[in-house]
Amino acid sequence: MLLNVIILNRAIRRAVAQLMRPDPRVSEAVDARQELDLRIGAAFTRFQTLRLRRVFPEALSDQLISYGSCQFPTLGFVVERFREVDRFISEPFWRIVGKVSPGF
């Protein structure tokens, strides 16, 4: 954890030392991406919810089937971590306690 903090601290200091004017085109691209994600997510959520309710009426009659551009990669991270935890095999471990004599 400490190494991550040190690396992050260096990255922040470097970024602050190299500040430049914001590029309005980059900002506009971010705005456009957010707008598209929202519109596509809302439209596709509605489409797949209605479609899948017709295909599986008993199971999904009152369910919303959400779509979002970040959901699938995020689900992948969650599944990967679940599998890591599930495969974990507990092992005995040792603790070493040292004693130092005065004058040594």
C-alpha atoms as a PDB file:
ATOM      1  CA  MET A   1       0.000   0.000   0.000  1.00  0.00           C
ATOM      2  CA  LEU A   2       2.803   2.408   0.873  1.00  0.00           C
ATOM      3  CA  LEU A   3       4.409   1.902  -2.550  1.00  0.00           C
ATOM      4  CA  ASN A   4       1.119   2.838  -4.237  1.00  0.00           C
ATOM      5  CA  VAL A   5       0.937   6.026  -2.175  1.00  0.00           C
ATOM      6  CA  ILE A   6       4.520   6.934  -3.091  1.00  0.00           C
ATOM      7  CA  ILE A   7       3.908   6.332  -6.804  1.00  0.00           C
ATOM      8  CA  LEU A   8       0.646   8.277  -6.705  1.00  0.00           C
ATOM      9  CA  ASN A   9       2.339  11.134  -4.847  1.00  0.00           C
ATOM     10  CA  ARG A  10       5.078  11.312  -7.523  1.00  0.00           C
ATOM     11  CA  ALA A  11       2.522  11.242 -10.330  1.00  0.00           C
ATOM     12  CA  ILE A  12       0.526  14.068  -8.737  1.00  0.00           C
ATOM     13  CA  ARG A  13       3.641  16.191  -8.213  1.00  0.00           C
ATOM     14  CA  ARG A  14       4.759  15.613 -11.815  1.00  0.00           C
ATOM     15  CA  ALA A  15       1.320  16.509 -13.171  1.00  0.00           C
ATOM     16  CA  VAL A  16       1.144  19.696 -11.098  1.00  0.00           C
ATOM     17  CA  ALA A  17       4.638  20.688 -12.240  1.00  0.00           C
ATOM     18  CA  GLN A  18       3.618  20.269 -15.897  1.00  0.00           C
ATOM     19  CA  LEU A  19       0.281  22.074 -15.900  1.00  0.00           C
ATOM     20  CA  MET A  20      -0.980  23.324 -19.250  1.00  0.00           C
ATOM     21  CA  ARG A  21      -4.099  24.981 -20.603  1.00  0.00           C
ATOM     22  CA  PRO A  22      -7.092  22.674 -20.846  1.00  0.00           C
ATOM     23  CA  ASP A  23      -7.908  21.655 -24.412  1.00  0.00           C
ATOM     24  CA  PRO A  24     -11.559  22.553 -25.096  1.00  0.00           C
ATOM     25  CA  ARG A  25     -11.752  19.814 -27.754  1.00  0.00           C
ATOM     26  CA  VAL A  26     -10.890  17.173 -25.178  1.00  0.00           C
ATOM     27  CA  SER A  27     -13.515  18.589 -22.820  1.00  0.00           C
ATOM     28  CA  GLU A  28     -16.118  18.581 -25.602  1.00  0.00           C
ATOM     29  CA  ALA A  29     -15.186  14.990 -26.498  1.00  0.00           C
ATOM     30  CA  VAL A  30     -15.742  13.947 -22.872  1.00  0.00           C
ATOM     31  CA  ASP A  31     -19.116  15.724 -22.828  1.00  0.00           C
ATOM     32  CA  ALA A  32     -20.127  14.001 -26.076  1.00  0.00           C
ATOM     33  CA  ARG A  33     -19.061  10.600 -24.749  1.00  0.00           C
ATOM     34  CA  GLN A  34     -21.093  11.079 -21.567  1.00  0.00           C
ATOM     35  CA  GLU A  35     -24.137  12.157 -23.563  1.00  0.00           C
ATOM     36  CA  LEU A  36     -23.838   9.171 -25.914  1.00  0.00           C
ATOM     37  CA  ASP A  37     -23.357   6.744 -23.013  1.00  0.00           C
ATOM     38  CA  LEU A  38     -26.485   8.093 -21.339  1.00  0.00           C
ATOM     39  CA  ARG A  39     -28.646   8.046 -24.472  1.00  0.00           C
ATOM     40  CA  ILE A  40     -27.456   4.657 -25.700  1.00  0.00           C
ATOM     41  CA  GLY A  41     -27.803   3.190 -22.208  1.00  0.00           C
ATOM     42  CA  ALA A  42     -31.354   4.477 -21.799  1.00  0.00           C
ATOM     43  CA  ALA A  43     -32.426   3.368 -25.282  1.00  0.00           C
ATOM     44  CA  PHE A  44     -30.812  -0.066 -25.119  1.00  0.00           C
ATOM     45  CA  THR A  45     -32.051  -0.689 -21.573  1.00  0.00           C
ATOM     46  CA  ARG A  46     -35.603  -0.069 -22.776  1.00  0.00           C
ATOM     47  CA  PHE A  47     -35.126  -2.162 -25.928  1.00  0.00           C
ATOM     48  CA  GLN A  48     -33.639  -5.213 -24.220  1.00  0.00           C
ATOM     49  CA  THR A  49     -36.032  -5.037 -21.259  1.00  0.00           C
ATOM     50  CA  LEU A  50     -39.085  -5.079 -23.536  1.00  0.00           C
ATOM     51  CA  ARG A  51     -37.594  -7.722 -25.835  1.00  0.00           C
ATOM     52  CA  LEU A  52     -36.495 -10.073 -23.063  1.00  0.00           C
ATOM     53  CA  ARG A  53     -39.804  -9.706 -21.218  1.00  0.00           C
ATOM     54  CA  ARG A  54     -41.522 -11.054 -24.339  1.00  0.00           C
ATOM     55  CA  VAL A  55     -39.069 -13.949 -24.613  1.00  0.00           C
ATOM     56  CA  PHE A  56     -39.101 -14.801 -20.881  1.00  0.00           C
ATOM     57  CA  PRO A  57     -42.434 -13.434 -19.618  1.00  0.00           C
ATOM     58  CA  GLU A  58     -42.633 -15.457 -16.410  1.00  0.00           C
ATOM     59  CA  ALA A  59     -39.082 -14.810 -15.253  1.00  0.00           C
ATOM     60  CA  LEU A  60     -38.775 -11.157 -16.272  1.00  0.00           C
ATOM     61  CA  SER A  61     -42.301  -9.757 -16.096  1.00  0.00           C
ATOM     62  CA  ASP A  62     -41.361  -7.065 -13.570  1.00  0.00           C
ATOM     63  CA  GLN A  63     -37.594  -6.869 -14.132  1.00  0.00           C
ATOM     64  CA  LEU A  64     -35.547  -4.076 -15.652  1.00  0.00           C
ATOM     65  CA  ILE A  65     -32.607  -5.326 -17.720  1.00  0.00           C
ATOM     66  CA  SER A  66     -30.103  -2.514 -17.449  1.00  0.00           C
ATOM     67  CA  TYR A  67     -27.392  -1.743 -20.001  1.00  0.00           C
ATOM     68  CA  GLY A  68     -24.398   0.489 -19.473  1.00  0.00           C
ATOM     69  CA  SER A  69     -21.082   0.730 -21.263  1.00  0.00           C
ATOM     70  CA  CYS A  70     -19.176   0.190 -18.001  1.00  0.00           C
ATOM     71  CA  GLN A  71     -21.284  -2.662 -16.651  1.00  0.00           C
ATOM     72  CA  PHE A  72     -19.735  -5.507 -18.640  1.00  0.00           C
ATOM     73  CA  PRO A  73     -16.070  -4.664 -17.911  1.00  0.00           C
ATOM     74  CA  THR A  74     -16.940  -4.009 -14.264  1.00  0.00           C
ATOM     75  CA  LEU A  75     -18.773  -7.325 -14.040  1.00  0.00           C
ATOM     76  CA  GLY A  76     -15.664  -8.964 -15.468  1.00  0.00           C
ATOM     77  CA  PHE A  77     -13.545  -7.468 -12.666  1.00  0.00           C
ATOM     78  CA  VAL A  78     -16.051  -8.655 -10.065  1.00  0.00           C
ATOM     79  CA  VAL A  79     -16.151 -12.200 -11.484  1.00  0.00           C
ATOM     80  CA  GLU A  80     -12.354 -12.340 -11.716  1.00  0.00           C
ATOM     81  CA  ARG A  81     -11.977 -11.269  -8.076  1.00  0.00           C
ATOM     82  CA  PHE A  82     -14.688 -13.723  -6.971  1.00  0.00           C
ATOM     83  CA  ARG A  83     -12.836 -16.557  -8.671  1.00  0.00           C
ATOM     84  CA  GLU A  84      -9.545 -15.537  -7.030  1.00  0.00           C
ATOM     85  CA  VAL A  85     -11.186 -15.594  -3.604  1.00  0.00           C
ATOM     86  CA  ASP A  86     -12.996 -18.846  -4.396  1.00  0.00           C
ATOM     87  CA  ARG A  87      -9.735 -20.578  -5.436  1.00  0.00           C
ATOM     88  CA  PHE A  88      -7.859 -19.342  -2.369  1.00  0.00           C
ATOM     89  CA  ILE A  89      -6.404 -22.144  -0.290  1.00  0.00           C
ATOM     90  CA  SER A  90      -5.628 -21.271   3.292  1.00  0.00           C
ATOM     91  CA  GLU A  91      -2.130 -22.192   4.402  1.00  0.00           C
ATOM     92  CA  PRO A  92      -0.532 -22.131   7.826  1.00  0.00           C
ATOM     93  CA  PHE A  93       1.825 -19.241   8.336  1.00  0.00           C
ATOM     94  CA  TRP A  94       4.609 -18.423  10.714  1.00  0.00           C
ATOM     95  CA  ARG A  95       5.334 -15.431  12.859  1.00  0.00           C
ATOM     96  CA  ILE A  96       8.914 -14.632  13.758  1.00  0.00           C
ATOM     97  CA  VAL A  97       9.542 -12.697  16.950  1.00  0.00           C
ATOM     98  CA  GLY A  98      13.024 -11.348  17.514  1.00  0.00           C
ATOM     99  CA  LYS A  99      14.646 -10.374  20.780  1.00  0.00           C
ATOM    100  CA  VAL A 100      17.587  -8.000  20.904  1.00  0.00           C
ATOM    101  CA  SER A 101      19.902  -7.972  23.881  1.00  0.00           C
ATOM    102  CA  PRO A 102      21.172  -4.619  25.193  1.00  0.00           C
ATOM    103  CA  GLY A 103      24.567  -3.682  23.787  1.00  0.00           C
ATOM    104  CA  PHE A 104      24.238  -5.894  20.746  1.00  0.00           C
END
